PDB file of N, CA and C in Angstrom:
ATOM      1  N   UNK A   1    -111.582  85.615  69.591  1.00  0.00           N
ATOM      2  CA  UNK A   1    -110.427  86.649  70.190  1.00  0.00           C
ATOM      3  C   UNK A   1    -109.095  86.401  69.439  1.00  0.00           C
ATOM      4  N   UNK A   2    -108.671  87.935  69.132  1.00  0.00           N
ATOM      5  CA  UNK A   2    -107.905  88.077  68.209  1.00  0.00           C
ATOM      6  C   UNK A   2    -106.456  88.789  69.317  1.00  0.00           C
ATOM      7  N   UNK A   3    -105.350  88.561  69.333  1.00  0.00           N
ATOM      8  CA  UNK A   3    -104.073  89.149  69.764  1.00  0.00           C
ATOM      9  C   UNK A   3    -102.848  89.152  69.006  1.00  0.00           C
ATOM     10  N   UNK A   4    -101.920  90.049  69.550  1.00  0.00           N
ATOM     11  CA  UNK A   4    -100.641  90.602  68.476  1.00  0.00           C
ATOM     12  C   UNK A   4     -99.546  89.698  69.586  1.00  0.00           C
ATOM     13  N   UNK A   5     -98.501  89.401  68.633  1.00  0.00           N
ATOM     14  CA  UNK A   5     -97.154  89.151  69.563  1.00  0.00           C
ATOM     15  C   UNK A   5     -96.219  89.554  68.426  1.00  0.00           C
ATOM     16  N   UNK A   6     -94.937  89.735  68.813  1.00  0.00           N
ATOM     17  CA  UNK A   6     -93.384  89.818  68.060  1.00  0.00           C
ATOM     18  C   UNK A   6     -92.676  88.686  67.936  1.00  0.00           C
ATOM     19  N   UNK A   7     -92.162  88.372  66.846  1.00  0.00           N
ATOM     20  CA  UNK A   7     -91.761  87.622  67.097  1.00  0.00           C
ATOM     21  C   UNK A   7     -90.659  87.827  66.065  1.00  0.00           C
ATOM     22  N   UNK A   8     -88.840  87.192  66.019  1.00  0.00           N
ATOM     23  CA  UNK A   8     -87.967  87.377  64.904  1.00  0.00           C
ATOM     24  C   UNK A   8     -88.169  86.369  63.548  1.00  0.00           C
ATOM     25  N   UNK A   9     -88.202  87.104  62.493  1.00  0.00           N
ATOM     26  CA  UNK A   9     -88.302  86.023  61.063  1.00  0.00           C
ATOM     27  C   UNK A   9     -87.316  85.313  61.383  1.00  0.00           C
ATOM     28  N   UNK A  10     -87.234  84.074  60.999  1.00  0.00           N
ATOM     29  CA  UNK A  10     -86.276  83.038  60.347  1.00  0.00           C
ATOM     30  C   UNK A  10     -86.397  82.649  59.185  1.00  0.00           C
ATOM     31  N   UNK A  11     -87.644  81.996  58.427  1.00  0.00           N
ATOM     32  CA  UNK A  11     -87.377  81.440  57.178  1.00  0.00           C
ATOM     33  C   UNK A  11     -88.761  81.249  57.080  1.00  0.00           C
ATOM     34  N   UNK A  12     -88.917  80.802  55.614  1.00  0.00           N
ATOM     35  CA  UNK A  12     -90.521  80.388  55.139  1.00  0.00           C
ATOM     36  C   UNK A  12     -90.317  79.002  54.191  1.00  0.00           C
ATOM     37  N   UNK A  13     -91.133  78.047  54.118  1.00  0.00           N
ATOM     38  CA  UNK A  13     -90.931  76.697  53.428  1.00  0.00           C
ATOM     39  C   UNK A  13     -92.504  76.240  52.951  1.00  0.00           C
ATOM     40  N   UNK A  14     -92.130  75.977  51.650  1.00  0.00           N
ATOM     41  CA  UNK A  14     -93.365  75.551  51.143  1.00  0.00           C
ATOM     42  C   UNK A  14     -93.122  73.807  50.865  1.00  0.00           C
ATOM     43  N   UNK A  15     -94.282  72.886  50.826  1.00  0.00           N
ATOM     44  CA  UNK A  15     -93.799  71.514  50.324  1.00  0.00           C
ATOM     45  C   UNK A  15     -95.117  71.087  50.381  1.00  0.00           C
ATOM     46  N   UNK A  16     -95.114  69.773  49.982  1.00  0.00           N
ATOM     47  CA  UNK A  16     -96.281  69.133  49.286  1.00  0.00           C
ATOM     48  C   UNK A  16     -97.316  68.392  50.589  1.00  0.00           C
ATOM     49  N   UNK A  17     -98.162  68.867  50.494  1.00  0.00           N
ATOM     50  CA  UNK A  17     -99.266  68.091  51.944  1.00  0.00           C
ATOM     51  C   UNK A  17     -98.762  66.572  51.937  1.00  0.00           C
ATOM     52  N   UNK A  18     -99.198  66.116  53.243  1.00  0.00           N
ATOM     53  CA  UNK A  18     -98.551  64.712  53.241  1.00  0.00           C
ATOM     54  C   UNK A  18     -99.632  63.894  52.870  1.00  0.00           C
ATOM     55  N   UNK A  19    -101.129  64.355  53.247  1.00  0.00           N
ATOM     56  CA  UNK A  19    -102.145  63.420  52.482  1.00  0.00           C
ATOM     57  C   UNK A  19    -102.266  63.328  51.491  1.00  0.00           C
ATOM     58  N   UNK A  20    -102.156  64.903  50.551  1.00  0.00           N
ATOM     59  CA  UNK A  20    -102.522  65.123  49.180  1.00  0.00           C
ATOM     60  C   UNK A  20    -101.329  65.624  48.766  1.00  0.00           C
ATOM     61  N   UNK A  21    -100.458  64.999  47.765  1.00  0.00           N
ATOM     62  CA  UNK A  21     -98.959  65.437  47.184  1.00  0.00           C
ATOM     63  C   UNK A  21     -99.298  66.652  46.014  1.00  0.00           C
ATOM     64  N   UNK A  22    -100.644  66.740  45.595  1.00  0.00           N
ATOM     65  CA  UNK A  22    -100.422  67.374  44.562  1.00  0.00           C
ATOM     66  C   UNK A  22    -101.464  69.173  45.525  1.00  0.00           C
ATOM     67  N   UNK A  23    -101.163  69.152  46.562  1.00  0.00           N
ATOM     68  CA  UNK A  23    -101.610  70.213  47.268  1.00  0.00           C
ATOM     69  C   UNK A  23    -100.236  70.545  48.081  1.00  0.00           C
ATOM     70  N   UNK A  24    -100.120  72.220  48.243  1.00  0.00           N
ATOM     71  CA  UNK A  24     -98.553  72.662  48.666  1.00  0.00           C
ATOM     72  C   UNK A  24     -99.259  73.002  49.994  1.00  0.00           C
ATOM     73  N   UNK A  25     -98.474  73.034  51.024  1.00  0.00           N
ATOM     74  CA  UNK A  25     -98.358  73.288  52.765  1.00  0.00           C
ATOM     75  C   UNK A  25     -97.545  74.827  52.386  1.00  0.00           C
ATOM     76  N   UNK A  26     -98.044  75.671  53.204  1.00  0.00           N
ATOM     77  CA  UNK A  26     -97.208  77.181  53.372  1.00  0.00           C
ATOM     78  C   UNK A  26     -96.634  77.204  54.866  1.00  0.00           C
ATOM     79  N   UNK A  27     -95.560  77.286  55.109  1.00  0.00           N
ATOM     80  CA  UNK A  27     -94.991  77.448  56.621  1.00  0.00           C
ATOM     81  C   UNK A  27     -94.161  78.580  56.704  1.00  0.00           C
ATOM     82  N   UNK A  28     -94.243  79.060  57.732  1.00  0.00           N
ATOM     83  CA  UNK A  28     -93.359  80.473  58.249  1.00  0.00           C
ATOM     84  C   UNK A  28     -92.888  80.165  59.556  1.00  0.00           C
ATOM     85  N   UNK A  29     -91.549  80.518  59.564  1.00  0.00           N
ATOM     86  CA  UNK A  29     -90.877  80.254  60.902  1.00  0.00           C
ATOM     87  C   UNK A  29     -90.263  81.110  61.771  1.00  0.00           C
ATOM     88  N   UNK A  30     -90.399  81.469  62.878  1.00  0.00           N
ATOM     89  CA  UNK A  30     -90.324  82.533  63.877  1.00  0.00           C
ATOM     90  C   UNK A  30     -89.238  81.651  65.257  1.00  0.00           C
ATOM     91  N   UNK A  31     -89.174  82.970  65.815  1.00  0.00           N
ATOM     92  CA  UNK A  31     -87.795  82.548  67.221  1.00  0.00           C
ATOM     93  C   UNK A  31     -88.489  83.741  67.651  1.00  0.00           C
ATOM     94  N   UNK A  32     -88.648  83.188  69.121  1.00  0.00           N
ATOM     95  CA  UNK A  32     -89.070  84.444  70.149  1.00  0.00           C
ATOM     96  C   UNK A  32     -87.934  83.735  71.453  1.00  0.00           C
ATOM     97  N   UNK A  33     -86.921  84.307  71.717  1.00  0.00           N
ATOM     98  CA  UNK A  33     -86.247  83.879  72.748  1.00  0.00           C
ATOM     99  C   UNK A  33     -85.274  82.893  72.245  1.00  0.00           C
ATOM    100  N   UNK A  34     -85.325  81.639  72.783  1.00  0.00           N
ATOM    101  CA  UNK A  34     -84.495  80.624  72.254  1.00  0.00           C
ATOM    102  C   UNK A  34     -85.608  79.540  71.696  1.00  0.00           C
ATOM    103  N   UNK A  35     -86.713  79.801  71.672  1.00  0.00           N
ATOM    104  CA  UNK A  35     -87.725  79.123  71.008  1.00  0.00           C
ATOM    105  C   UNK A  35     -88.119  79.275  69.642  1.00  0.00           C
ATOM    106  N   UNK A  36     -88.179  78.352  69.113  1.00  0.00           N
ATOM    107  CA  UNK A  36     -88.852  78.601  67.364  1.00  0.00           C
ATOM    108  C   UNK A  36     -90.077  78.188  67.515  1.00  0.00           C
ATOM    109  N   UNK A  37     -90.733  78.714  66.642  1.00  0.00           N
ATOM    110  CA  UNK A  37     -92.210  77.966  65.946  1.00  0.00           C
ATOM    111  C   UNK A  37     -92.515  78.359  64.739  1.00  0.00           C
ATOM    112  N   UNK A  38     -92.918  76.905  64.217  1.00  0.00           N
ATOM    113  CA  UNK A  38     -93.526  77.192  62.975  1.00  0.00           C
ATOM    114  C   UNK A  38     -94.996  77.168  62.685  1.00  0.00           C
ATOM    115  N   UNK A  39     -95.167  78.255  61.757  1.00  0.00           N
ATOM    116  CA  UNK A  39     -97.161  78.470  61.393  1.00  0.00           C
ATOM    117  C   UNK A  39     -97.299  78.009  60.330  1.00  0.00           C
ATOM    118  N   UNK A  40     -98.644  77.045  59.941  1.00  0.00           N
ATOM    119  CA  UNK A  40     -98.938  77.419  58.868  1.00  0.00           C
ATOM    120  C   UNK A  40     -99.950  78.196  58.274  1.00  0.00           C
ATOM    121  N   UNK A  41     -99.791  78.656  57.095  1.00  0.00           N
ATOM    122  CA  UNK A  41    -100.452  79.798  56.773  1.00  0.00           C
ATOM    123  C   UNK A  41    -100.726  79.772  55.071  1.00  0.00           C
ATOM    124  N   UNK A  42    -101.561  80.739  54.842  1.00  0.00           N
ATOM    125  CA  UNK A  42    -102.180  80.898  53.934  1.00  0.00           C
ATOM    126  C   UNK A  42    -100.908  81.257  52.577  1.00  0.00           C
ATOM    127  N   UNK A  43    -101.319  81.096  51.031  1.00  0.00           N
ATOM    128  CA  UNK A  43    -100.519  81.577  50.368  1.00  0.00           C
ATOM    129  C   UNK A  43    -100.325  82.812  50.018  1.00  0.00           C
ATOM    130  N   UNK A  44    -101.166  83.503  50.416  1.00  0.00           N
ATOM    131  CA  UNK A  44    -101.344  85.371  50.561  1.00  0.00           C
ATOM    132  C   UNK A  44    -100.032  85.508  51.782  1.00  0.00           C
ATOM    133  N   UNK A  45    -100.231  84.989  52.846  1.00  0.00           N
ATOM    134  CA  UNK A  45     -99.468  85.757  53.731  1.00  0.00           C
ATOM    135  C   UNK A  45     -98.020  85.126  53.382  1.00  0.00           C
ATOM    136  N   UNK A  46     -98.111  83.701  53.323  1.00  0.00           N
ATOM    137  CA  UNK A  46     -96.602  83.222  52.793  1.00  0.00           C
ATOM    138  C   UNK A  46     -95.737  84.451  51.712  1.00  0.00           C
ATOM    139  N   UNK A  47     -96.733  84.859  51.051  1.00  0.00           N
ATOM    140  CA  UNK A  47     -95.949  85.755  50.348  1.00  0.00           C
ATOM    141  C   UNK A  47     -95.527  87.023  50.587  1.00  0.00           C
ATOM    142  N   UNK A  48     -96.010  87.301  52.029  1.00  0.00           N
ATOM    143  CA  UNK A  48     -95.879  88.622  52.433  1.00  0.00           C
ATOM    144  C   UNK A  48     -94.499  88.554  53.100  1.00  0.00           C
ATOM    145  N   UNK A  49     -94.023  87.470  53.128  1.00  0.00           N
ATOM    146  CA  UNK A  49     -92.305  87.032  54.095  1.00  0.00           C
ATOM    147  C   UNK A  49     -91.441  87.409  52.675  1.00  0.00           C
ATOM    148  N   UNK A  50     -91.540  87.475  51.685  1.00  0.00           N
ATOM    149  CA  UNK A  50     -90.758  87.197  50.689  1.00  0.00           C
ATOM    150  C   UNK A  50     -89.512  88.168  50.720  1.00  0.00           C
ATOM    151  N   UNK A  51     -90.190  89.427  50.806  1.00  0.00           N
ATOM    152  CA  UNK A  51     -89.201  90.563  51.254  1.00  0.00           C
ATOM    153  C   UNK A  51     -88.346  90.758  52.922  1.00  0.00           C
ATOM    154  N   UNK A  52     -88.885  89.946  53.679  1.00  0.00           N
ATOM    155  CA  UNK A  52     -88.311  90.004  54.980  1.00  0.00           C
ATOM    156  C   UNK A  52     -87.345  89.476  55.270  1.00  0.00           C
ATOM    157  N   UNK A  53     -86.285  90.709  55.888  1.00  0.00           N
ATOM    158  CA  UNK A  53     -85.014  89.848  56.378  1.00  0.00           C
ATOM    159  C   UNK A  53     -84.790  88.831  57.803  1.00  0.00           C
ATOM    160  N   UNK A  54     -83.936  87.940  57.112  1.00  0.00           N
ATOM    161  CA  UNK A  54     -83.266  87.174  58.439  1.00  0.00           C
ATOM    162  C   UNK A  54     -83.450  87.933  59.533  1.00  0.00           C
ATOM    163  N   UNK A  55     -84.006  87.127  60.935  1.00  0.00           N
ATOM    164  CA  UNK A  55     -84.208  87.962  62.122  1.00  0.00           C
ATOM    165  C   UNK A  55     -84.626  89.454  62.223  1.00  0.00           C
ATOM    166  N   UNK A  56     -85.869  89.854  61.410  1.00  0.00           N
ATOM    167  CA  UNK A  56     -85.886  91.015  61.442  1.00  0.00           C
ATOM    168  C   UNK A  56     -87.458  90.802  62.351  1.00  0.00           C
ATOM    169  N   UNK A  57     -87.876  91.999  63.317  1.00  0.00           N
ATOM    170  CA  UNK A  57     -88.758  91.402  64.373  1.00  0.00           C
ATOM    171  C   UNK A  57     -90.168  91.958  63.431  1.00  0.00           C
ATOM    172  N   UNK A  58     -91.083  90.685  63.709  1.00  0.00           N
ATOM    173  CA  UNK A  58     -92.537  91.522  63.175  1.00  0.00           C
ATOM    174  C   UNK A  58     -93.565  91.235  64.276  1.00  0.00           C
ATOM    175  N   UNK A  59     -94.677  91.865  63.803  1.00  0.00           N
ATOM    176  CA  UNK A  59     -95.858  92.054  64.881  1.00  0.00           C
ATOM    177  C   UNK A  59     -96.789  91.330  64.436  1.00  0.00           C
ATOM    178  N   UNK A  60     -97.258  89.934  64.665  1.00  0.00           N
ATOM    179  CA  UNK A  60     -98.094  89.331  63.655  1.00  0.00           C
ATOM    180  C   UNK A  60     -99.494  89.093  64.864  1.00  0.00           C
ATOM    181  N   UNK A  61    -100.597  88.459  63.861  1.00  0.00           N
ATOM    182  CA  UNK A  61    -101.761  88.989  64.157  1.00  0.00           C
ATOM    183  C   UNK A  61    -102.145  87.278  64.161  1.00  0.00           C
ATOM    184  N   UNK A  62    -102.485  86.905  65.698  1.00  0.00           N
ATOM    185  CA  UNK A  62    -103.155  85.353  65.674  1.00  0.00           C
ATOM    186  C   UNK A  62    -104.830  85.776  66.068  1.00  0.00           C
ATOM    187  N   UNK A  63    -105.526  84.567  66.163  1.00  0.00           N
ATOM    188  CA  UNK A  63    -106.715  84.409  66.089  1.00  0.00           C
ATOM    189  C   UNK A  63    -106.871  83.084  67.064  1.00  0.00           C
ATOM    190  N   UNK A  64    -107.556  83.617  68.267  1.00  0.00           N
ATOM    191  CA  UNK A  64    -107.728  82.232  69.623  1.00  0.00           C
ATOM    192  C   UNK A  64    -108.804  81.892  69.673  1.00  0.00           C
ATOM    193  N   UNK A  65    -109.177  80.641  69.324  1.00  0.00           N
ATOM    194  CA  UNK A  65    -110.408  79.814  69.424  1.00  0.00           C
ATOM    195  C   UNK A  65    -110.378  79.154  70.735  1.00  0.00           C
ATOM    196  N   UNK A  66    -111.509  79.578  72.235  1.00  0.00           N
ATOM    197  CA  UNK A  66    -111.441  78.848  73.282  1.00  0.00           C
ATOM    198  C   UNK A  66    -111.977  77.703  73.063  1.00  0.00           C
ATOM    199  N   UNK A  67    -113.256  77.375  72.236  1.00  0.00           N
ATOM    200  CA  UNK A  67    -113.878  76.494  72.643  1.00  0.00           C
ATOM    201  C   UNK A  67    -113.060  75.197  71.983  1.00  0.00           C
ATOM    202  N   UNK A  68    -112.216  75.413  71.105  1.00  0.00           N
ATOM    203  CA  UNK A  68    -111.053  74.050  70.403  1.00  0.00           C
ATOM    204  C   UNK A  68    -110.111  73.975  70.836  1.00  0.00           C
ATOM    205  N   UNK A  69    -109.688  75.433  71.643  1.00  0.00           N
ATOM    206  CA  UNK A  69    -108.086  75.625  72.250  1.00  0.00           C
ATOM    207  C   UNK A  69    -107.085  75.662  71.025  1.00  0.00           C
ATOM    208  N   UNK A  70    -107.611  76.704  70.163  1.00  0.00           N
ATOM    209  CA  UNK A  70    -106.604  76.817  68.675  1.00  0.00           C
ATOM    210  C   UNK A  70    -106.019  78.277  68.765  1.00  0.00           C
ATOM    211  N   UNK A  71    -105.086  78.028  68.017  1.00  0.00           N
ATOM    212  CA  UNK A  71    -104.602  79.157  67.258  1.00  0.00           C
ATOM    213  C   UNK A  71    -103.935  79.412  66.116  1.00  0.00           C
ATOM    214  N   UNK A  72    -104.755  80.241  65.605  1.00  0.00           N
ATOM    215  CA  UNK A  72    -104.659  80.439  63.877  1.00  0.00           C
ATOM    216  C   UNK A  72    -103.792  81.958  63.571  1.00  0.00           C
ATOM    217  N   UNK A  73    -102.792  81.319  62.719  1.00  0.00           N
ATOM    218  CA  UNK A  73    -101.751  82.355  62.572  1.00  0.00           C
ATOM    219  C   UNK A  73    -102.974  83.490  61.227  1.00  0.00           C
ATOM    220  N   UNK A  74    -102.827  84.721  61.351  1.00  0.00           N
ATOM    221  CA  UNK A  74    -103.944  85.456  60.723  1.00  0.00           C
ATOM    222  C   UNK A  74    -103.441  85.949  59.738  1.00  0.00           C
ATOM    223  N   UNK A  75    -102.487  87.407  60.039  1.00  0.00           N
ATOM    224  CA  UNK A  75    -101.735  88.297  59.415  1.00  0.00           C
ATOM    225  C   UNK A  75    -100.641  88.781  59.842  1.00  0.00           C
ATOM    226  N   UNK A  76     -99.896  89.755  59.415  1.00  0.00           N
ATOM    227  CA  UNK A  76     -99.016  90.669  59.876  1.00  0.00           C
ATOM    228  C   UNK A  76     -99.755  91.990  60.298  1.00  0.00           C
ATOM    229  N   UNK A  77     -99.232  92.622  61.555  1.00  0.00           N
ATOM    230  CA  UNK A  77     -99.834  93.840  61.935  1.00  0.00           C
ATOM    231  C   UNK A  77     -99.171  94.828  61.373  1.00  0.00           C
TER     232      UNK A  77
END
């Protein structure tokens, strides 16, 4: 099941994977109200945020898996 949500962009970060330092993990940080949320993403999605300004509102696409009760950040709408 796919759904959209609006967040304000804060920052993006890449850092070495904690299990395998030769790999890189990509994160994007957002704010909604007084809460912040960091999402793991692919390098392609990470690069989409290179030109997004701090505090700019973005519409994000998520994929919800009810079997595992997990949410995956998929794309920008």
